Protein backbone atom coordinates (compact mmCIF):
# COMPACT_ATOMS: atom_id res chain seq x y z
CA MET A 1 -12.44 -41.21 -25.79
CA ALA A 2 -12.48 -39.32 -22.59
CA SER A 3 -14.33 -40.49 -19.87
CA GLY A 4 -17.94 -39.10 -19.75
CA ALA A 5 -18.31 -38.40 -23.36
CA GLY A 6 -21.33 -40.24 -24.04
CA GLY A 7 -23.76 -37.32 -25.80
CA PHE A 8 -23.89 -35.19 -21.69
CA THR A 9 -24.99 -31.54 -23.08
CA ILE A 10 -24.46 -28.37 -20.86
CA SER A 11 -28.01 -26.70 -20.72
CA SER A 12 -27.40 -22.69 -20.45
CA HIS A 13 -29.21 -23.00 -16.59
CA GLN A 14 -25.52 -25.07 -16.12
CA TRP A 15 -23.50 -22.57 -18.33
CA ARG A 16 -24.33 -20.32 -15.84
CA ARG A 17 -23.41 -22.31 -13.23
CA ALA A 18 -20.30 -23.60 -14.70
CA GLU A 19 -18.21 -23.33 -11.41
CA ALA A 20 -20.65 -26.25 -9.96
CA PHE A 21 -21.25 -28.25 -12.83
CA ILE A 22 -17.17 -28.81 -13.65
CA ARG A 23 -16.53 -29.64 -9.92
CA ASP A 24 -19.54 -31.92 -10.02
CA ARG A 25 -17.99 -33.35 -13.37
CA TYR A 26 -14.57 -33.79 -11.85
CA GLU A 27 -15.96 -35.54 -8.53
CA LYS A 28 -18.08 -37.96 -10.79
CA MET A 29 -14.95 -38.42 -13.75
CA ARG A 30 -11.94 -37.38 -11.86
CA SER A 31 -9.03 -35.77 -14.63
CA VAL A 32 -10.00 -36.10 -17.63
CA PHE A 33 -13.64 -35.92 -18.85
CA THR A 34 -15.57 -34.97 -22.30
CA VAL A 35 -19.29 -33.29 -22.77
CA SER A 36 -20.82 -31.74 -25.14
CA LEU A 37 -21.51 -28.20 -25.25
CA LEU A 38 -23.34 -26.29 -28.25
CA GLN A 39 -22.62 -29.24 -30.61
CA ARG A 40 -19.12 -29.29 -29.90
CA LYS A 41 -17.07 -31.96 -27.97
CA VAL A 42 -15.18 -30.07 -24.87
CA THR A 43 -12.33 -32.14 -23.19
CA PHE A 44 -11.30 -31.04 -19.64
CA LEU A 45 -8.07 -31.36 -18.04
CA VAL A 46 -7.54 -31.37 -14.38
CA GLY A 47 -4.18 -31.72 -12.45
CA SER A 48 -0.64 -30.58 -13.22
CA GLU A 49 0.19 -33.58 -15.00
CA GLU A 50 -2.76 -33.54 -17.18
CA SER A 51 -2.56 -30.56 -17.76
CA SER A 52 1.20 -30.43 -19.61
CA HIS A 53 -0.11 -30.81 -22.96
CA PHE A 54 -2.46 -27.74 -22.77
CA TYR A 55 0.19 -25.64 -21.85
CA ARG A 56 3.36 -26.63 -23.20
CA ALA A 57 2.25 -28.05 -26.61
CA LEU A 58 3.37 -26.23 -29.87
CA ASP A 59 0.69 -23.86 -31.63
CA SER A 60 0.17 -26.18 -33.91
CA GLU A 61 -0.88 -29.18 -31.90
CA VAL A 62 -2.90 -27.42 -29.72
CA THR A 63 -4.09 -23.32 -30.12
CA GLN A 64 -5.89 -20.53 -29.46
CA ASP A 65 -6.21 -19.40 -32.82
CA GLU A 66 -9.96 -20.16 -33.79
CA ILE A 67 -10.97 -20.06 -29.67
CA LEU A 68 -10.24 -16.45 -29.47
CA ARG A 69 -10.89 -15.21 -32.69
CA PHE A 70 -14.33 -13.64 -31.03
CA THR A 71 -12.05 -10.94 -30.03
CA VAL A 72 -11.28 -9.49 -33.19
CA PRO A 73 -14.29 -7.09 -33.07
CA THR A 74 -12.95 -5.89 -29.63
CA PHE A 75 -9.85 -5.38 -30.37
CA GLY A 76 -9.66 -4.54 -34.31
CA PRO A 77 -8.00 -5.51 -37.21
CA GLY A 78 -4.58 -5.30 -37.87
CA VAL A 79 -3.52 -7.34 -34.33
CA GLY A 80 -4.16 -10.28 -31.92
CA TYR A 81 -6.38 -12.92 -33.91
CA ALA A 82 -7.18 -10.85 -37.01
CA VAL A 83 -3.69 -11.38 -37.84
CA ASP A 84 -1.50 -14.30 -38.87
CA HIS A 85 0.33 -16.58 -36.49
CA ALA A 86 3.87 -15.21 -37.38
CA THR A 87 2.48 -11.68 -37.26
CA ARG A 88 0.85 -12.14 -33.64
CA LEU A 89 4.35 -13.60 -32.06
CA GLU A 90 6.28 -10.53 -33.34
CA GLN A 91 3.51 -8.32 -31.56
CA VAL A 92 3.76 -10.70 -28.44
CA ARG A 93 7.49 -9.72 -28.60
CA PHE A 94 6.63 -6.12 -28.15
CA PHE A 95 4.78 -6.62 -25.46
CA GLY A 96 7.39 -8.87 -24.17
CA ASP A 97 10.49 -6.18 -24.83
CA ILE A 98 8.12 -3.50 -22.64
CA MET A 99 7.45 -5.70 -19.69
CA LYS A 100 11.38 -6.68 -19.42
CA PRO A 101 12.71 -5.83 -15.87
CA ALA A 102 14.75 -2.46 -17.26
CA LYS A 103 11.24 -1.23 -18.77
CA LEU A 104 9.05 -2.06 -15.33
CA ARG A 105 11.33 -0.04 -13.07
CA THR A 106 10.33 3.38 -15.34
CA TYR A 107 7.27 2.67 -14.41
CA VAL A 108 7.33 2.28 -10.45
CA ASP A 109 7.78 6.05 -9.83
CA LEU A 110 4.83 6.94 -12.23
CA MET A 111 3.15 4.56 -10.18
CA VAL A 112 3.83 5.57 -6.38
CA ALA A 113 2.91 9.48 -7.66
CA GLU A 114 -0.56 8.33 -9.06
CA VAL A 115 -0.93 6.13 -5.56
CA GLU A 116 0.01 9.01 -3.43
CA GLU A 117 -1.92 11.77 -5.36
CA TYR A 118 -4.97 9.84 -5.34
CA PHE A 119 -5.08 8.78 -1.41
CA ALA A 120 -4.47 12.19 -0.58
CA ARG A 121 -7.94 13.31 -1.10
CA TRP A 122 -9.18 11.09 1.20
CA GLY A 123 -9.95 12.57 4.45
CA GLN A 124 -8.81 11.70 7.89
CA SER A 125 -11.61 9.13 8.25
CA GLY A 126 -14.43 8.00 6.12
CA THR A 127 -16.31 5.05 3.86
CA ALA A 128 -15.44 4.18 0.18
CA ASP A 129 -16.49 1.23 -2.10
CA MET A 130 -12.95 -0.35 -2.48
CA LYS A 131 -14.17 -1.88 -5.69
CA GLN A 132 -15.11 1.66 -7.22
CA GLU A 133 -11.73 3.47 -6.06
CA LEU A 134 -9.25 0.89 -7.33
CA GLU A 135 -11.16 0.33 -10.24
CA HIS A 136 -10.55 4.18 -11.30
CA LEU A 137 -7.05 4.20 -9.42
CA VAL A 138 -6.16 1.60 -11.50
CA THR A 139 -7.02 3.37 -14.97
CA LEU A 140 -5.44 6.18 -13.56
CA ILE A 141 -2.04 4.06 -13.18
CA ALA A 142 -2.87 2.57 -16.56
CA SER A 143 -3.21 5.74 -18.11
CA ARG A 144 0.04 7.49 -16.87
CA CYS A 145 2.60 4.60 -17.35
CA LEU A 146 0.77 3.15 -20.67
CA LEU A 147 -0.98 5.71 -22.65
CA GLY A 148 1.16 8.82 -22.16
CA GLU A 149 0.74 12.23 -20.77
CA GLU A 150 -1.50 13.42 -23.37
CA VAL A 151 -4.32 10.81 -22.58
CA ARG A 152 -3.67 11.16 -18.88
CA GLU A 153 -3.50 15.19 -18.33
CA LYS A 154 -6.17 16.11 -21.61
CA MET A 155 -8.41 13.19 -22.21
CA PHE A 156 -8.66 10.85 -19.50
CA GLY A 157 -12.34 11.31 -18.41
CA GLU A 158 -13.39 10.40 -22.28
CA VAL A 159 -10.50 7.46 -22.90
CA ALA A 160 -11.30 5.82 -19.47
CA THR A 161 -15.12 6.00 -20.72
CA LEU A 162 -14.61 4.50 -24.18
CA LEU A 163 -12.41 1.65 -22.75
CA GLY A 164 -15.39 0.66 -19.90
CA GLU A 165 -17.56 0.41 -23.03
CA ILE A 166 -15.26 -1.51 -24.99
CA ASN A 167 -14.80 -3.44 -21.77
CA ASP A 168 -18.69 -3.90 -21.29
CA GLY A 169 -19.38 -5.07 -25.28
CA MET A 170 -17.27 -8.14 -24.28
CA SER A 171 -19.68 -10.40 -22.83
CA LEU A 172 -20.50 -14.09 -22.72
CA VAL A 173 -22.80 -13.41 -25.68
CA THR A 174 -19.75 -12.10 -27.38
CA ILE A 175 -17.96 -15.59 -27.61
CA LEU A 176 -20.78 -16.88 -29.74
CA TYR A 177 -22.13 -14.18 -31.26
CA PRO A 178 -18.88 -11.45 -31.49
CA ARG A 179 -20.91 -9.07 -34.36
CA LEU A 180 -24.49 -9.52 -33.07
CA PRO A 181 -25.57 -5.94 -33.71
CA ILE A 182 -26.96 -5.57 -29.87
CA PRO A 183 -26.59 -2.00 -27.88
CA ALA A 184 -23.29 -3.51 -26.43
CA HIS A 185 -21.74 -4.29 -29.14
CA ARG A 186 -22.39 -1.01 -31.23
CA ARG A 187 -21.10 0.89 -28.51
CA ARG A 188 -18.23 -1.30 -28.52
CA ASP A 189 -17.44 -0.69 -32.48
CA ARG A 190 -18.47 3.70 -31.86
CA ALA A 191 -15.63 3.67 -28.94
CA ARG A 192 -12.84 1.57 -30.47
CA ALA A 193 -13.41 4.16 -33.59
CA ARG A 194 -13.24 6.65 -31.43
CA LEU A 195 -10.13 5.42 -29.65
CA PHE A 196 -8.73 5.05 -33.14
CA VAL A 197 -8.67 8.44 -34.11
CA ILE A 198 -7.67 9.97 -30.40
CA PHE A 199 -4.50 7.52 -30.80
CA SER A 200 -3.78 7.71 -34.29
CA SER A 201 -3.29 11.58 -33.71
CA ILE A 202 -1.24 11.17 -30.77
CA VAL A 203 1.18 8.61 -33.14
CA ARG A 204 1.19 11.66 -35.97
CA SER A 205 2.27 13.96 -33.28
CA ARG A 206 4.66 12.07 -31.88
CA ARG A 207 6.13 10.65 -34.87
CA SER A 208 6.21 14.39 -36.60
CA SER A 209 7.66 15.91 -33.84
CA GLY A 210 10.61 13.20 -32.52
CA ALA A 211 10.02 13.81 -29.00
CA CYS A 212 10.83 10.76 -26.73
CA HIS A 213 8.22 9.41 -24.23
CA GLY A 214 8.82 6.53 -21.80
CA ASP A 215 5.42 4.90 -21.76
CA MET A 216 3.82 1.60 -23.67
CA LEU A 217 2.44 4.23 -26.36
CA GLN A 218 6.12 5.30 -27.38
CA CYS A 219 7.41 1.91 -26.92
CA LEU A 220 4.24 0.48 -29.46
CA ILE A 221 5.25 3.68 -31.72
CA ASP A 222 8.67 2.37 -31.93
CA ALA A 223 8.24 -0.85 -32.50
CA ARG A 224 9.84 -2.43 -35.81
CA TYR A 225 9.24 -6.06 -37.30
CA LYS A 226 11.48 -8.13 -38.04
CA ASP A 227 11.61 -7.18 -41.76
CA GLY A 228 12.17 -3.48 -40.22
CA ARG A 229 8.25 -2.57 -40.99
CA ALA A 230 7.12 0.24 -38.20
CA THR A 231 3.78 -0.47 -36.40
CA THR A 232 0.80 1.05 -37.84
CA GLU A 233 -1.55 3.72 -36.25
CA THR A 234 -4.14 0.93 -36.42
CA GLU A 235 -1.55 -1.76 -34.84
CA VAL A 236 -0.79 0.63 -32.53
CA THR A 237 -4.33 1.62 -31.52
CA GLY A 238 -5.01 -2.59 -31.73
CA LEU A 239 -2.19 -3.10 -29.57
CA LEU A 240 -3.53 -0.90 -26.58
CA VAL A 241 -6.66 -1.48 -26.56
CA THR A 242 -5.46 -5.16 -26.04
CA ALA A 243 -2.92 -4.37 -23.19
CA LEU A 244 -5.79 -2.44 -21.56
CA PHE A 245 -8.43 -4.76 -21.84
CA SER A 246 -6.44 -7.50 -20.57
CA GLY A 247 -4.62 -6.09 -17.80
CA GLN A 248 -6.75 -3.36 -16.44
CA HIS A 249 -9.72 -5.60 -15.40
CA THR A 250 -7.58 -8.09 -13.94
CA SER A 251 -5.24 -5.87 -11.84
CA SER A 252 -8.43 -3.33 -10.28
CA SER A 253 -10.51 -6.81 -9.47
CA THR A 254 -7.50 -8.79 -7.92
CA SER A 255 -6.65 -5.48 -6.08
CA THR A 256 -9.97 -5.57 -4.73
CA TRP A 257 -10.32 -8.92 -3.59
CA THR A 258 -6.92 -9.08 -1.86
CA GLY A 259 -7.74 -6.08 0.09
CA ALA A 260 -11.47 -7.73 1.21
CA SER A 261 -9.34 -11.29 1.84
CA LEU A 262 -6.78 -9.35 4.22
CA LEU A 263 -9.31 -7.54 6.02
CA THR A 264 -11.22 -10.73 6.89
CA HIS A 265 -7.96 -12.62 7.93
CA PRO A 266 -6.15 -10.57 10.60
CA LYS A 267 -3.10 -12.54 10.70
CA HIS A 268 -2.47 -12.09 7.39
CA LEU A 269 -3.53 -8.64 7.32
CA ARG A 270 -0.96 -8.13 10.42
CA ALA A 271 1.95 -9.86 8.88
CA ALA A 272 1.50 -7.47 5.60
CA VAL A 273 1.20 -4.33 7.82
CA GLU A 274 4.40 -5.39 9.91
CA GLU A 275 6.29 -6.51 6.37
CA GLN A 276 5.82 -2.70 5.53
CA ALA A 277 6.65 -1.38 8.43
CA ARG A 278 9.91 -3.20 8.40
CA ILE A 279 10.75 -2.53 4.66
CA LEU A 280 9.85 1.13 4.41
CA ARG A 281 11.70 1.90 7.97
CA ARG A 282 15.30 0.35 6.17
CA HIS A 283 14.86 2.21 3.14
CA SER A 284 13.58 5.65 4.60
CA ASP A 285 10.00 5.30 3.08
CA ARG A 286 11.19 5.13 -0.07
CA VAL A 287 9.01 2.81 -2.51
CA ASP A 288 11.10 1.69 -5.94
CA TYR A 289 11.37 -1.37 -7.90
CA ALA A 290 13.81 -3.33 -5.84
CA VAL A 291 11.96 -2.32 -2.56
CA LEU A 292 8.62 -3.64 -4.22
CA ALA A 293 10.72 -7.08 -4.68
CA GLU A 294 11.59 -7.35 -0.74
CA MET A 295 7.68 -7.69 -0.06
CA ASP A 296 7.23 -11.00 0.33
CA THR A 297 4.61 -11.43 2.59
CA LEU A 298 2.45 -8.88 0.12
CA GLN A 299 3.55 -11.07 -2.87
CA LEU A 300 1.90 -14.45 -1.36
CA CYS A 301 -0.95 -12.19 -0.21
CA ILE A 302 -1.65 -11.38 -3.63
CA LYS A 303 -0.89 -14.60 -5.48
CA GLU A 304 -3.27 -16.54 -3.10
CA THR A 305 -6.16 -13.95 -3.88
CA LEU A 306 -5.39 -14.92 -7.82
CA ARG A 307 -5.41 -18.80 -6.89
CA LEU A 308 -8.94 -18.54 -5.40
CA HIS A 309 -9.91 -15.55 -7.35
CA PRO A 310 -8.19 -16.30 -10.76
CA PRO A 311 -8.87 -13.83 -13.80
CA THR A 312 -10.34 -15.84 -15.89
CA MET A 313 -12.83 -19.41 -14.83
CA MET A 314 -11.25 -21.22 -17.73
CA LEU A 315 -8.88 -21.47 -20.81
CA MET A 316 -9.25 -22.43 -23.74
CA ARG A 317 -7.74 -24.05 -26.69
CA LEU A 318 -8.44 -26.07 -30.13
CA VAL A 319 -6.90 -29.54 -30.61
CA ARG A 320 -5.07 -29.81 -34.03
CA GLN A 321 -3.25 -32.77 -33.70
CA SER A 322 -4.81 -35.94 -31.36
CA PHE A 323 -2.91 -36.82 -28.34
CA VAL A 324 -3.14 -39.25 -25.34
CA VAL A 325 -3.12 -38.09 -21.57
CA SER A 326 -2.77 -39.79 -18.78
CA GLY A 327 -5.29 -39.06 -16.43
CA LYS A 328 -7.24 -40.77 -12.88
CA ASP A 329 -10.54 -42.46 -13.69
CA SER A 330 -13.73 -42.64 -11.03
CA ASN A 331 -12.01 -45.37 -9.40
CA GLY A 332 -8.60 -43.33 -8.75
CA GLY A 333 -6.66 -45.60 -10.81
CA LYS A 334 -4.58 -44.10 -13.80
CA HIS A 335 -5.87 -44.23 -17.58
CA GLU A 336 -4.89 -43.41 -20.52
CA TYR A 337 -7.16 -41.12 -22.53
CA GLU A 338 -6.99 -40.27 -26.06
CA VAL A 339 -8.31 -36.70 -26.85
CA PRO A 340 -9.23 -36.57 -31.00
CA LYS A 341 -8.35 -33.62 -33.02
CA GLY A 342 -10.89 -30.90 -33.49
CA HIS A 343 -12.03 -31.27 -29.65
CA THR A 344 -11.99 -27.83 -27.47
CA LEU A 345 -9.67 -28.34 -24.88
CA VAL A 346 -10.39 -26.49 -21.71
CA SER A 347 -8.31 -25.80 -18.20
CA PRO A 348 -10.82 -25.16 -15.30
CA LEU A 349 -8.72 -23.22 -13.31
CA LEU A 350 -11.20 -22.49 -10.25
CA VAL A 351 -11.09 -26.40 -9.97
CA HIS A 352 -6.90 -26.41 -11.03
CA ASN A 353 -6.67 -24.25 -8.13
CA THR A 354 -8.22 -25.63 -5.74
CA LEU A 355 -7.31 -29.44 -5.86
CA PRO A 356 -7.05 -31.31 -2.35
CA HIS A 357 -4.10 -33.35 -2.79
CA VAL A 358 -2.12 -30.34 -4.13
CA TYR A 359 -3.77 -27.59 -1.53
CA HIS A 360 -4.22 -28.19 2.22
CA GLU A 361 -7.50 -26.87 2.72
CA PRO A 362 -7.98 -25.53 -0.54
CA SER A 363 -10.90 -23.03 0.02
CA LYS A 364 -8.91 -21.33 3.05
CA PHE A 365 -6.94 -18.21 2.15
CA ASP A 366 -3.63 -19.25 3.24
CA PRO A 367 -0.88 -17.22 1.99
CA GLU A 368 1.85 -19.19 3.60
CA ARG A 369 0.95 -22.20 1.56
CA PHE A 370 3.41 -20.47 -1.41
CA SER A 371 6.49 -20.14 1.34
CA ALA A 372 9.48 -22.21 0.68
CA MET A 373 8.71 -24.01 4.28
CA ARG A 374 5.49 -25.53 1.93
CA GLU A 375 5.58 -24.83 -1.36
CA GLU A 376 2.29 -25.80 -2.18
CA GLY A 377 1.34 -25.56 -6.23
CA ALA A 378 4.61 -25.66 -7.55
CA GLY A 379 4.95 -26.00 -11.40
CA LEU A 380 1.77 -26.26 -13.59
CA ALA A 381 -0.43 -26.61 -10.39
CA TYR A 382 -0.69 -22.81 -10.15
CA ALA A 383 -1.12 -21.07 -13.47
CA SER A 384 -3.76 -18.21 -12.36
CA PHE A 385 -1.40 -16.11 -15.09
CA GLY A 386 -1.45 -19.06 -17.75
CA SER A 387 1.47 -20.75 -18.00
CA GLY A 388 4.27 -22.20 -20.61
CA ARG A 389 3.94 -20.77 -24.08
CA HIS A 390 0.89 -18.50 -23.75
CA ALA A 391 1.95 -17.33 -19.98
CA CYS A 392 0.81 -13.83 -19.41
CA ALA A 393 3.39 -11.02 -20.31
CA GLY A 394 2.05 -8.00 -17.96
CA GLU A 395 2.36 -10.69 -14.88
CA ALA A 396 5.25 -8.42 -13.70
CA PHE A 397 3.27 -5.56 -14.39
CA ALA A 398 0.04 -6.58 -12.12
CA TYR A 399 1.73 -7.27 -9.48
CA MET A 400 3.84 -4.64 -9.17
CA GLN A 401 0.75 -1.62 -9.70
CA ILE A 402 -0.70 -3.89 -7.07
CA LYS A 403 1.81 -3.97 -4.48
CA VAL A 404 2.19 -0.32 -4.89
CA ILE A 405 -1.40 0.68 -4.07
CA TRP A 406 -1.40 -1.90 -1.07
CA SER A 407 1.75 -1.16 -0.09
CA HIS A 408 0.36 2.42 0.67
CA LEU A 409 -3.02 1.61 2.13
CA LEU A 410 -1.10 -0.73 4.50
CA ARG A 411 1.04 2.20 5.51
CA ASN A 412 -1.21 5.15 5.44
CA PHE A 413 -4.86 3.61 6.57
CA GLU A 414 -6.52 1.32 9.01
CA LEU A 415 -9.13 -0.02 7.15
CA GLN A 416 -12.36 -2.41 8.12
CA LEU A 417 -14.74 -4.23 5.77
CA GLU A 418 -18.17 -3.17 5.87
CA SER A 419 -19.72 -4.90 3.52
CA PRO A 420 -20.34 -9.16 3.64
CA PHE A 421 -17.61 -10.70 2.03
CA PRO A 422 -17.92 -10.34 -1.68
CA GLU A 423 -19.47 -12.58 -4.02
CA THR A 424 -18.23 -13.49 -7.84
CA ASP A 425 -19.68 -12.23 -10.60
CA TRP A 426 -20.56 -14.80 -12.93
CA ASN A 427 -22.56 -13.15 -15.80
CA VAL A 428 -19.45 -11.46 -17.59
CA LEU A 429 -16.56 -12.97 -19.30
CA THR A 430 -13.88 -11.75 -16.96
CA PRO A 431 -15.35 -12.60 -13.68
CA GLY A 432 -15.15 -9.53 -10.89
CA LEU A 433 -16.90 -8.89 -7.33
CA LYS A 434 -20.63 -8.40 -7.35
CA GLY A 435 -22.14 -5.26 -5.98
CA LYS A 436 -20.23 -2.74 -3.88
CA VAL A 437 -17.32 -3.52 -1.45
CA MET A 438 -17.32 -0.78 1.28
CA VAL A 439 -14.53 0.09 3.82
CA THR A 440 -14.28 2.42 6.23
CA TYR A 441 -10.90 3.98 7.00
CA ASN A 442 -9.09 5.73 9.38
CA ARG A 443 -5.83 7.54 8.25
CA ARG A 444 -2.70 6.37 10.45
CA LYS A 445 -0.91 8.70 12.63
CA SER A 446 2.60 9.83 11.22
């Protein structure tokens, strides 16, 4: 049995302070420990070696299915964890095809146009809430690249509002009681029903006209299962909601965290600005897929931001087959622990990403730690986008749009953070930034 399993129960107060609690348990019991939470045994694996089975095990051994079934009311029938494993794997393949480099290349011009149009509305100088601005911009980018011109040009306001209501309907309460008849869940259900009407109409129109579009919506309409079956209107709607829910909040939060981190670290801000000037001068100010790939400094800044501010506090699985894991005990020695069938398995990213024996000064914002000279966080030591069999299919898309946004801002504006460095809002399922993030801006001279 894992160290520390002796009936320890997490109270609701400790759940709200989960990060401090997990760190405390890790400090006292080290890399493998088990606690009792809501009448379940929950085993935490901290560290690259200890987490190997978590990320690499077969689904028949360690699974997400039971853990993520609470998402069914959000994403709807016919998709995700409302379907059998084989069907879900095929739907994951649809997203994998959509996110291949050849397809990603086609999104860059759309992203650049959206970003340029958005910031053209800013004046020569002013003050803005960076969090609110980037949330809105990321939604605009998603609507243009993923949802299509019908939504972007005619229904953006309504669709953005509906997606917001779906996002607000996913809380810590939802994990335990996904169908509890509370106001947030009722709004979620009404929003998903309305989105089904909107997207079903677009799907029928596109299929009847035979017109060709280059967005994700069209890719999902054209997708085929291995038996030749086409996707249904219900499936297309659910898959779109899944993609947007999974990516939109992550991209907007990471964009804002990246900005706040750069604006409070002049050395790294200066390096990022200089890189933009150097690369864009070489490419005559054109930004395309290949140019984005050259932005190594900005890439490392985003990666470091995700290390310190991952999209989720922890990743969870259910153990279907008992296994043995080797970890460090409270005295620093090696010990083998059996993790029994039925345990909930957790990889706590906030602890995993800040281990002092992996990362030098782990609480410090230091993008250079990922450079070729240092190479900290190799392999499973870094898992902000997941890893192994369940790595996030949208990682490249997220990096791409965040790079497009900050490439434009760094080249065109001098920015200063006016608010204190933001705190993390832990009261939501996907942690974000608490309060406003105010910046002043001055447009750079051409």
